Amino acid sequence: MSGPQKIRLRQDGPERLVGPAFPEGPERTFGGVFIGQGLAAAEAEPGEHEAHAPHATFLRPGDATKETTWTVETLRAGRSFTVRVADAYQDDRHVFRATVSLQRPGDPGPAHEAPIPEVPGPKELAGQGAGAGDVADWDPDWERLDAPTDRPDELAFWFRYRGAEEFATPAEARAGLAFFSDYGLLGTALGPHPGARVQQASLDHSLWLFSTPRLGDWHLYSCVSPRAGDGRALCRGHIHDVSGRLVAAVAQEGLTRTLRD
């Protein structure tokens, strides 16, 4: 299944959308599938507003072998901003909710952004003999190239989409980045705890989109985990494109409960 196919929805009646199963992935639905499909559901209704901020809560584990039914409710439809709630169900079980803010592009205002971290670029890493690998053995469409960091609670890696089928529209590209944003982030919390045996799962996930990405180009995902404890960990990330532009910011709290012997 290609990258776009994982987040592409079909209409099933006037008020429902259906997302595909992803049996090639983990037994429990990879969180990025729900995040990407949720963003796609919120942008399914045509209009001039673009999604810029999905805030998601994982309610129950998903079954990767089953399709997901989506319903969307518009909470507010304003001139500049629209807010929609996308709810996901499997076998009538409520498994995921995303509250998504959409904005009409073009509003003026002061502008600044965090600079890209000073890490070797993809060409420099390749010149040093670093080889790019798959982000996950069950998803070869995404390529990853790790970059060095100074602290154990930090993680940085370059990534790009290399699948045969491209993301066809800006909305699909945004949903594709939302899908990818769940990769690797929670693992940052285990850097200071080598050898820790924990149960991991995404609990909630927020993404702020500042521009539409070109996913076939290299992007740097720089992550930090400021706190872990009580079986949970907080992780934050910035995504820059190869030119240094800040494309997105991410925050997630995840389950990091110690496994019992």
Protein backbone atom coordinates (compact mmCIF):
# COMPACT_ATOMS: atom_id res chain seq x y z
CA MET A 1 0.00 0.00 0.00
CA SER A 2 1.47 3.35 -1.05
CA GLY A 3 1.81 6.38 1.22
CA PRO A 4 -1.17 8.25 -0.25
CA GLN A 5 -3.34 5.13 -0.11
CA LYS A 6 -2.85 4.88 3.67
CA ILE A 7 -4.50 8.26 4.25
CA ARG A 8 -6.93 8.35 1.30
CA LEU A 9 -10.61 8.05 2.27
CA ARG A 10 -13.67 6.97 0.32
CA GLN A 11 -17.16 8.40 0.71
CA ASP A 12 -19.66 5.98 2.27
CA GLY A 13 -23.00 7.75 2.30
CA PRO A 14 -23.67 11.43 2.90
CA GLU A 15 -22.11 11.64 6.38
CA ARG A 16 -19.43 8.94 6.55
CA LEU A 17 -15.94 8.39 5.21
CA VAL A 18 -13.98 5.14 5.30
CA GLY A 19 -10.23 4.73 5.65
CA PRO A 20 -8.43 1.58 4.49
CA ALA A 21 -7.01 -1.13 6.70
CA PHE A 22 -3.21 -1.30 6.94
CA PRO A 23 -2.43 -4.96 7.69
CA GLU A 24 1.19 -4.58 6.59
CA GLY A 25 1.86 -2.50 9.71
CA PRO A 26 1.86 -3.39 13.41
CA GLU A 27 -1.01 -5.45 14.79
CA ARG A 28 -2.34 -2.37 16.54
CA THR A 29 -2.98 0.48 14.13
CA PHE A 30 0.06 2.73 13.82
CA GLY A 31 -0.93 6.09 15.32
CA GLY A 32 0.13 7.99 12.21
CA VAL A 33 -2.59 6.21 10.22
CA PHE A 34 -5.28 7.71 12.45
CA ILE A 35 -3.59 11.14 12.54
CA GLY A 36 -3.22 11.28 8.74
CA GLN A 37 -6.70 9.96 8.02
CA GLY A 38 -8.18 12.32 10.61
CA LEU A 39 -6.59 15.31 8.90
CA ALA A 40 -7.81 14.04 5.52
CA ALA A 41 -11.34 13.67 6.92
CA ALA A 42 -11.33 17.23 8.25
CA GLU A 43 -10.24 18.56 4.84
CA ALA A 44 -12.58 16.32 2.80
CA GLU A 45 -15.18 19.08 2.40
CA PRO A 46 -14.04 21.42 -0.39
CA GLY A 47 -13.31 25.01 0.57
CA GLU A 48 -10.65 27.67 0.80
CA HIS A 49 -9.63 26.84 4.37
CA GLU A 50 -6.54 24.64 4.94
CA ALA A 51 -5.83 22.48 7.97
CA HIS A 52 -3.10 23.93 10.15
CA ALA A 53 -3.56 22.39 13.61
CA PRO A 54 -4.92 18.90 14.41
CA HIS A 55 -5.07 17.96 18.10
CA ALA A 56 -5.69 14.26 18.54
CA THR A 57 -6.55 11.84 21.34
CA PHE A 58 -6.13 8.08 21.05
CA LEU A 59 -9.10 6.54 22.84
CA ARG A 60 -8.56 2.82 22.24
CA PRO A 61 -6.07 0.65 20.36
CA GLY A 62 -6.96 0.24 16.70
CA ASP A 63 -7.01 -3.01 14.74
CA ALA A 64 -4.76 -2.63 11.70
CA THR A 65 -6.64 -5.34 9.80
CA LYS A 66 -9.93 -3.40 9.88
CA GLU A 67 -11.18 -0.37 7.98
CA THR A 68 -11.92 2.80 9.92
CA THR A 69 -15.19 4.71 9.67
CA TRP A 70 -14.98 8.49 10.04
CA THR A 71 -17.61 11.08 10.90
CA VAL A 72 -16.91 14.81 10.76
CA GLU A 73 -18.72 17.61 12.60
CA THR A 74 -18.13 21.30 11.96
CA LEU A 75 -18.08 23.12 15.30
CA ARG A 76 -17.52 26.55 13.80
CA ALA A 77 -17.37 27.86 10.25
CA GLY A 78 -15.95 31.36 10.31
CA ARG A 79 -14.52 33.68 7.71
CA SER A 80 -10.90 33.13 8.74
CA PHE A 81 -11.05 29.92 10.77
CA THR A 82 -13.09 26.72 10.72
CA VAL A 83 -12.98 24.02 13.41
CA ARG A 84 -13.99 20.43 12.74
CA VAL A 85 -14.01 17.26 14.83
CA ALA A 86 -13.14 13.98 13.11
CA ASP A 87 -14.12 10.80 14.99
CA ALA A 88 -12.89 7.31 14.10
CA TYR A 89 -14.74 4.05 14.73
CA GLN A 90 -13.95 0.38 14.24
CA ASP A 91 -16.80 -2.11 14.81
CA ASP A 92 -18.77 0.76 16.41
CA ARG A 93 -15.96 1.29 18.95
CA HIS A 94 -14.82 4.90 19.25
CA VAL A 95 -11.03 4.65 18.83
CA PHE A 96 -9.75 8.15 17.98
CA ARG A 97 -10.74 11.82 17.89
CA ALA A 98 -9.05 14.78 16.22
CA THR A 99 -10.09 18.39 16.64
CA VAL A 100 -8.76 20.21 13.59
CA SER A 101 -8.44 23.95 13.05
CA LEU A 102 -8.44 25.20 9.45
CA GLN A 103 -7.47 28.69 8.31
CA ARG A 104 -8.00 30.68 5.18
CA PRO A 105 -4.44 31.39 3.88
CA GLY A 106 -3.04 34.85 3.50
CA ASP A 107 -3.57 36.63 6.83
CA PRO A 108 -0.80 39.22 7.44
CA GLY A 109 1.14 39.49 10.70
CA PRO A 110 4.60 39.52 12.31
CA ALA A 111 6.76 36.55 11.30
CA HIS A 112 9.71 34.64 12.75
CA GLU A 113 10.67 30.99 13.13
CA ALA A 114 13.14 28.75 14.95
CA PRO A 115 16.29 28.08 12.90
CA ILE A 116 17.16 24.61 11.74
CA PRO A 117 19.50 22.79 14.16
CA GLU A 118 23.17 22.66 13.20
CA VAL A 119 23.51 19.03 12.15
CA PRO A 120 25.14 17.50 9.07
CA GLY A 121 22.92 17.54 5.99
CA PRO A 122 21.96 14.48 3.95
CA LYS A 123 24.80 14.94 1.43
CA GLU A 124 27.37 15.41 4.20
CA LEU A 125 26.15 12.34 6.07
CA ALA A 126 26.23 10.29 2.88
CA GLY A 127 29.78 11.52 2.26
CA GLN A 128 30.72 10.30 5.73
CA GLY A 129 29.51 6.83 4.80
CA ALA A 130 26.17 6.99 6.56
CA GLY A 131 23.60 4.89 4.76
CA ALA A 132 19.92 5.74 4.59
CA GLY A 133 17.51 3.09 5.75
CA ASP A 134 13.78 2.47 5.93
CA VAL A 135 11.93 4.29 8.69
CA ALA A 136 10.26 0.96 9.50
CA ASP A 137 10.66 -2.49 7.98
CA TRP A 138 6.90 -2.56 7.36
CA ASP A 139 6.86 0.83 5.56
CA PRO A 140 9.65 1.10 2.97
CA ASP A 141 8.11 4.19 1.35
CA TRP A 142 9.92 6.46 3.83
CA GLU A 143 13.71 6.86 3.95
CA ARG A 144 15.57 7.85 7.13
CA LEU A 145 19.10 9.15 7.72
CA ASP A 146 20.13 9.64 11.36
CA ALA A 147 22.06 12.76 12.40
CA PRO A 148 24.22 13.12 15.53
CA THR A 149 22.94 14.96 18.62
CA ASP A 150 24.67 16.16 21.80
CA ARG A 151 22.28 14.83 24.45
CA PRO A 152 20.56 11.49 25.09
CA ASP A 153 17.13 13.15 25.32
CA GLU A 154 17.47 14.49 21.77
CA LEU A 155 16.94 12.79 18.41
CA ALA A 156 17.46 14.13 14.91
CA PHE A 157 17.02 12.43 11.57
CA TRP A 158 16.44 13.36 7.95
CA PHE A 159 13.53 11.76 6.13
CA ARG A 160 11.86 11.82 2.74
CA TYR A 161 9.12 9.98 0.90
CA ARG A 162 10.36 7.74 -1.89
CA GLY A 163 7.22 5.79 -2.81
CA ALA A 164 6.21 5.25 -6.41
CA GLU A 165 2.87 7.07 -6.02
CA GLU A 166 3.10 10.75 -5.17
CA PHE A 167 0.81 12.71 -2.87
CA ALA A 168 -1.50 14.22 -5.46
CA THR A 169 -2.75 17.38 -3.75
CA PRO A 170 -1.58 19.84 -1.07
CA ALA A 171 -4.21 18.38 1.28
CA GLU A 172 -2.79 14.89 0.72
CA ALA A 173 0.73 16.18 1.39
CA ARG A 174 -0.41 17.70 4.68
CA ALA A 175 -2.10 14.43 5.64
CA GLY A 176 1.07 12.58 4.61
CA LEU A 177 3.19 14.69 6.94
CA ALA A 178 0.63 14.18 9.71
CA PHE A 179 0.97 10.43 9.14
CA PHE A 180 4.76 10.60 9.31
CA SER A 181 4.89 12.87 12.38
CA ASP A 182 4.16 9.89 14.66
CA TYR A 183 7.33 8.07 13.53
CA GLY A 184 10.23 8.10 15.98
CA LEU A 185 8.95 10.86 18.27
CA LEU A 186 8.11 8.81 21.35
CA GLY A 187 11.37 6.88 21.08
CA THR A 188 13.18 10.11 22.00
CA ALA A 189 12.04 9.58 25.60
CA LEU A 190 14.01 6.33 25.87
CA GLY A 191 17.36 7.88 24.92
CA PRO A 192 18.27 8.64 28.58
CA HIS A 193 17.14 5.12 29.59
CA PRO A 194 19.05 2.58 27.47
CA GLY A 195 17.78 -0.94 27.94
CA ALA A 196 14.47 0.14 29.47
CA ARG A 197 11.69 -2.34 28.75
CA VAL A 198 8.48 -0.37 28.36
CA GLN A 199 5.07 -0.56 26.76
CA GLN A 200 4.82 2.27 24.23
CA ALA A 201 1.71 3.85 22.76
CA SER A 202 0.66 7.32 21.64
CA LEU A 203 -1.81 8.95 24.05
CA ASP A 204 -2.31 12.33 22.39
CA HIS A 205 -0.69 14.15 19.50
CA SER A 206 -0.69 17.75 18.30
CA LEU A 207 0.67 19.06 15.02
CA TRP A 208 1.02 22.63 13.78
CA LEU A 209 1.49 23.01 10.02
CA PHE A 210 3.16 26.19 8.80
CA SER A 211 3.42 25.31 5.11
CA THR A 212 2.60 22.46 2.78
CA PRO A 213 5.57 20.07 2.59
CA ARG A 214 7.26 18.62 -0.48
CA LEU A 215 7.57 15.13 0.95
CA GLY A 216 9.85 13.84 -1.79
CA ASP A 217 12.53 16.28 -0.55
CA TRP A 218 14.63 15.77 2.57
CA HIS A 219 13.25 17.13 5.86
CA LEU A 220 14.91 17.21 9.28
CA TYR A 221 12.89 15.94 12.26
CA SER A 222 14.55 17.22 15.44
CA CYS A 223 13.02 15.89 18.66
CA VAL A 224 13.49 16.37 22.40
CA SER A 225 11.89 14.76 25.45
CA PRO A 226 11.76 17.28 28.32
CA ARG A 227 10.11 14.92 30.79
CA ALA A 228 9.30 11.26 31.46
CA GLY A 229 7.68 9.78 34.56
CA ASP A 230 4.56 8.10 35.92
CA GLY A 231 4.51 5.80 32.91
CA ARG A 232 4.21 8.71 30.47
CA ALA A 233 6.65 10.77 28.42
CA LEU A 234 6.37 14.17 26.77
CA CYS A 235 8.12 14.68 23.43
CA ARG A 236 8.32 17.70 21.13
CA GLY A 237 9.60 18.03 17.59
CA HIS A 238 10.34 20.51 14.81
CA ILE A 239 10.29 19.61 11.12
CA HIS A 240 12.44 21.75 8.81
CA ASP A 241 12.85 21.36 5.07
CA VAL A 242 16.32 21.09 3.56
CA SER A 243 16.44 24.86 2.91
CA GLY A 244 16.03 25.52 6.65
CA ARG A 245 12.38 26.59 6.61
CA LEU A 246 10.29 25.47 9.60
CA VAL A 247 7.46 23.40 8.10
CA ALA A 248 5.78 21.99 11.22
CA ALA A 249 5.95 21.57 14.99
CA VAL A 250 4.80 18.51 16.92
CA ALA A 251 4.03 17.63 20.54
CA GLN A 252 3.04 14.26 21.92
CA GLU A 253 2.52 12.54 25.24
CA GLY A 254 2.91 8.80 25.08
CA LEU A 255 2.71 5.75 27.28
CA THR A 256 6.11 4.51 28.55
CA ARG A 257 4.99 2.07 31.23
CA THR A 258 7.62 -0.34 32.55
CA LEU A 259 6.88 -3.91 31.54
CA ARG A 260 6.38 -6.38 34.35
CA ASP A 261 8.62 -9.42 34.48
